[in-house]
Amino acid sequence: MRATFDRDTHTAESRRRLRRELRRRRRTLSTRQRRLAAEALCHRLRRLPEVKRARRVALYLPNDGEIDPQPLIPWLRRRGARIYLPVLRPLSDNALWFVHYHRDTPMRRNRFGIPEPEARHGAHRARRQPAWTLDLILLPLVGFDAQGNRLGMGGGFYDRSLAFTRRTGPRPTLIGLAHECQRVERLPAAPWDVPLDAIVSDRRTIHP
């Protein structure tokens, strides 16, 4: 029992240290490097069949140096896709809504400083979509490896909101996005991590 506890504690500490280092890496990228990386990322995404056929797409607005998927939005809309953003659900334990996003959507910054649709706006059921009905979710990563393991921010928002994807039934395609500098040789995986269908950086596409 003690050995298991020590191993779990060591793994958690390793993930915390790695998370700090990888966040530092992406924050040190220049504005030009981030712009070029976003363009390269979106070029790769536009070539993926699961992106081409998606009609209900959730993505994120970048924060803390995350790679930016926003250049993909005009292309998606020209193809008739509807865009959704994650919103922290009020009065819930680290879970997300996915709220329809357009140029007139009222926005605010949540407790982490991330822009998102206002909670009152998103509370209307007609403006949000259950996660299981989405075709595609593009989510940010802190780190990834060549085996398709991922490291998130540590809050568990996506893992809780997408836990249903482990069961049989309708589910969206899940693609993690990151800068290439966030790739590591091997990640300490956690049992609660929701598996991804692909990971895309500005330089490579990984299908686990």
Protein backbone atom coordinates (compact mmCIF):
# COMPACT_ATOMS: atom_id res chain seq x y z
CA MET A 1 0.00 0.00 0.00
CA ARG A 2 2.82 2.35 0.92
CA ALA A 3 4.65 1.61 -2.34
CA THR A 4 1.52 2.42 -4.37
CA PHE A 5 1.04 5.68 -2.47
CA ASP A 6 4.65 6.70 -3.00
CA ARG A 7 4.48 5.88 -6.71
CA ASP A 8 1.24 7.87 -7.17
CA THR A 9 2.69 10.82 -5.25
CA HIS A 10 5.86 10.73 -7.35
CA THR A 11 3.82 10.62 -10.59
CA ALA A 12 1.66 13.55 -9.51
CA GLU A 13 4.73 15.60 -8.60
CA SER A 14 6.40 14.70 -11.91
CA ARG A 15 3.34 15.90 -13.80
CA ARG A 16 3.29 19.18 -11.84
CA ARG A 17 6.96 19.87 -12.57
CA LEU A 18 6.56 18.98 -16.23
CA ARG A 19 3.44 21.15 -16.50
CA ARG A 20 5.36 24.18 -15.19
CA GLU A 21 8.23 23.61 -17.62
CA LEU A 22 6.03 23.12 -20.69
CA ARG A 23 3.92 26.17 -19.90
CA ARG A 24 7.14 28.15 -19.60
CA ARG A 25 8.27 26.89 -23.03
CA ARG A 26 5.15 28.00 -24.83
CA ARG A 27 5.08 31.39 -23.08
CA THR A 28 8.61 32.14 -24.32
CA LEU A 29 7.53 31.95 -27.97
CA SER A 30 7.51 35.32 -29.75
CA THR A 31 4.37 36.83 -31.25
CA ARG A 32 5.65 35.95 -34.73
CA GLN A 33 6.44 32.37 -33.73
CA ARG A 34 2.94 31.96 -32.30
CA ARG A 35 1.32 33.38 -35.44
CA LEU A 36 3.31 31.11 -37.75
CA ALA A 37 2.59 28.11 -35.52
CA ALA A 38 -1.15 28.85 -35.58
CA GLU A 39 -1.13 29.08 -39.37
CA ALA A 40 0.78 25.79 -39.69
CA LEU A 41 -1.52 24.10 -37.18
CA CYS A 42 -4.69 25.17 -39.00
CA HIS A 43 -3.21 24.08 -42.36
CA ARG A 44 -2.74 20.61 -40.89
CA LEU A 45 -6.22 20.56 -39.38
CA ARG A 46 -7.88 21.50 -42.67
CA ARG A 47 -6.41 18.35 -44.25
CA LEU A 48 -7.92 15.93 -41.71
CA PRO A 49 -11.09 14.09 -42.83
CA GLU A 50 -12.62 14.31 -39.34
CA VAL A 51 -12.23 18.10 -39.45
CA LYS A 52 -13.52 18.43 -43.02
CA ARG A 53 -16.76 16.60 -42.26
CA ALA A 54 -17.47 18.17 -38.85
CA ARG A 55 -20.52 20.43 -38.61
CA ARG A 56 -20.62 21.08 -34.85
CA VAL A 57 -17.14 22.05 -33.71
CA ALA A 58 -15.99 23.10 -30.26
CA LEU A 59 -12.66 24.86 -29.91
CA TYR A 60 -11.05 27.25 -27.43
CA LEU A 61 -9.70 30.80 -27.30
CA PRO A 62 -5.98 30.68 -26.46
CA ASN A 63 -4.62 31.63 -23.05
CA ASP A 64 -1.24 31.37 -21.33
CA GLY A 65 0.64 30.84 -24.60
CA GLU A 66 -1.63 28.07 -25.97
CA ILE A 67 -1.50 27.49 -29.70
CA ASP A 68 -4.27 29.44 -31.42
CA PRO A 69 -6.99 27.58 -33.39
CA GLN A 70 -8.88 30.77 -34.30
CA PRO A 71 -7.55 31.00 -37.91
CA LEU A 72 -9.60 27.86 -38.53
CA ILE A 73 -12.93 29.54 -37.68
CA PRO A 74 -13.60 31.38 -41.02
CA TRP A 75 -12.82 28.20 -42.96
CA LEU A 76 -15.17 26.15 -40.77
CA ARG A 77 -17.98 28.67 -41.15
CA ARG A 78 -17.61 28.75 -44.92
CA ARG A 79 -18.18 25.00 -44.81
CA GLY A 80 -21.39 25.49 -42.83
CA ALA A 81 -20.04 24.47 -39.42
CA ARG A 82 -21.30 25.94 -36.14
CA ILE A 83 -18.66 26.93 -33.59
CA TYR A 84 -18.91 26.30 -29.85
CA LEU A 85 -16.72 27.47 -26.96
CA PRO A 86 -16.20 25.80 -23.58
CA VAL A 87 -17.75 27.65 -20.63
CA LEU A 88 -17.19 26.84 -16.97
CA ARG A 89 -20.54 25.58 -15.73
CA PRO A 90 -21.86 27.62 -12.79
CA LEU A 91 -22.43 25.72 -9.53
CA SER A 92 -20.76 22.57 -10.81
CA ASP A 93 -17.61 20.65 -9.98
CA ASN A 94 -15.13 21.53 -12.73
CA ALA A 95 -17.34 20.76 -15.72
CA LEU A 96 -17.96 22.52 -19.02
CA TRP A 97 -20.81 23.71 -21.19
CA PHE A 98 -20.28 24.12 -24.94
CA VAL A 99 -21.95 27.36 -26.06
CA HIS A 100 -22.59 28.54 -29.62
CA TYR A 101 -20.14 31.29 -30.56
CA HIS A 102 -20.53 34.05 -33.16
CA ARG A 103 -19.40 37.65 -33.54
CA ASP A 104 -22.27 39.00 -31.38
CA THR A 105 -21.84 36.54 -28.51
CA PRO A 106 -21.47 38.49 -25.22
CA MET A 107 -18.12 37.57 -23.67
CA ARG A 108 -16.47 37.85 -20.26
CA ARG A 109 -13.32 36.52 -18.59
CA ASN A 110 -13.76 33.58 -16.25
CA ARG A 111 -11.90 33.08 -12.97
CA PHE A 112 -8.80 31.96 -14.87
CA GLY A 113 -8.81 35.06 -17.07
CA ILE A 114 -9.93 33.09 -20.15
CA PRO A 115 -12.53 34.78 -22.41
CA GLU A 116 -15.76 32.80 -22.70
CA PRO A 117 -19.46 33.46 -23.44
CA GLU A 118 -21.28 34.98 -20.47
CA ALA A 119 -22.79 32.38 -18.16
CA ARG A 120 -26.28 33.91 -18.39
CA HIS A 121 -26.06 33.79 -22.18
CA GLY A 122 -24.87 30.21 -22.15
CA ALA A 123 -27.47 29.11 -19.63
CA HIS A 124 -30.15 29.08 -22.35
CA ARG A 125 -30.39 25.52 -23.66
CA ALA A 126 -30.93 26.73 -27.22
CA ARG A 127 -27.43 28.28 -27.16
CA ARG A 128 -25.49 25.27 -25.92
CA GLN A 129 -24.90 21.80 -27.18
CA PRO A 130 -24.47 18.59 -25.14
CA ALA A 131 -20.92 17.38 -25.61
CA TRP A 132 -22.02 13.99 -26.93
CA THR A 133 -23.84 15.65 -29.87
CA LEU A 134 -20.77 17.56 -31.10
CA ASP A 135 -18.86 16.24 -34.09
CA LEU A 136 -15.44 17.52 -33.07
CA ILE A 137 -13.77 19.02 -30.01
CA LEU A 138 -10.38 20.74 -30.36
CA LEU A 139 -8.84 21.03 -26.90
CA PRO A 140 -5.62 22.62 -25.64
CA LEU A 141 -2.74 20.56 -24.26
CA VAL A 142 0.14 21.43 -21.98
CA GLY A 143 2.20 18.49 -23.22
CA PHE A 144 2.11 15.39 -25.40
CA ASP A 145 4.29 12.49 -26.55
CA ALA A 146 4.61 10.37 -29.68
CA GLN A 147 2.41 7.65 -28.17
CA GLY A 148 -0.53 10.06 -27.95
CA ASN A 149 -0.38 10.59 -24.18
CA ARG A 150 -1.35 14.07 -23.10
CA LEU A 151 -0.89 16.46 -20.21
CA GLY A 152 -3.60 19.02 -19.45
CA MET A 153 -3.71 22.01 -17.13
CA GLY A 154 -4.56 19.84 -14.15
CA GLY A 155 -8.07 21.12 -13.43
CA GLY A 156 -9.79 18.09 -14.93
CA PHE A 157 -12.41 20.16 -16.78
CA TYR A 158 -12.22 18.26 -20.05
CA ASP A 159 -11.69 14.89 -18.36
CA ARG A 160 -14.87 15.29 -16.31
CA SER A 161 -16.91 16.73 -19.16
CA LEU A 162 -15.80 14.06 -21.63
CA ALA A 163 -15.72 11.01 -19.34
CA PHE A 164 -18.74 9.66 -21.24
CA THR A 165 -16.49 9.02 -24.28
CA ARG A 166 -15.11 5.94 -22.51
CA ARG A 167 -18.52 4.28 -22.87
CA THR A 168 -20.26 3.06 -26.00
CA GLY A 169 -22.56 5.50 -27.74
CA PRO A 170 -22.37 8.74 -29.73
CA ARG A 171 -19.25 10.79 -29.10
CA PRO A 172 -17.27 13.60 -30.72
CA THR A 173 -13.85 13.21 -32.26
CA LEU A 174 -11.30 14.58 -29.76
CA ILE A 175 -8.17 16.30 -31.09
CA GLY A 176 -5.58 17.87 -28.81
CA LEU A 177 -3.63 20.91 -30.01
CA ALA A 178 -0.19 22.11 -28.93
CA HIS A 179 3.00 23.82 -30.03
CA GLU A 180 5.71 21.40 -31.14
CA CYS A 181 7.91 22.67 -28.29
CA GLN A 182 5.43 21.02 -25.90
CA ARG A 183 6.31 17.53 -27.13
CA VAL A 184 8.28 15.31 -24.75
CA GLU A 185 9.75 11.84 -25.22
CA ARG A 186 7.47 10.13 -22.71
CA LEU A 187 4.64 11.39 -20.51
CA PRO A 188 3.59 9.90 -17.17
CA ALA A 189 -0.01 8.99 -18.02
CA ALA A 190 -2.85 9.21 -15.50
CA PRO A 191 -5.78 6.75 -15.41
CA TRP A 192 -8.37 9.53 -15.57
CA ASP A 193 -7.00 11.07 -18.79
CA VAL A 194 -9.61 10.83 -21.54
CA PRO A 195 -7.95 9.28 -24.62
CA LEU A 196 -7.69 11.46 -27.73
CA ASP A 197 -8.29 10.46 -31.34
CA ALA A 198 -5.41 12.63 -32.56
CA ILE A 199 -2.88 15.23 -31.47
CA VAL A 200 -1.88 18.00 -33.85
CA SER A 201 0.97 20.47 -33.47
CA ASP A 202 2.41 22.98 -35.91
CA ARG A 203 4.78 20.24 -37.18
CA ARG A 204 3.10 16.85 -36.85
CA THR A 205 -0.12 14.88 -36.57
CA ILE A 206 -0.25 11.89 -34.22
CA HIS A 207 -2.97 9.26 -34.29
CA PRO A 208 -2.52 7.17 -31.14
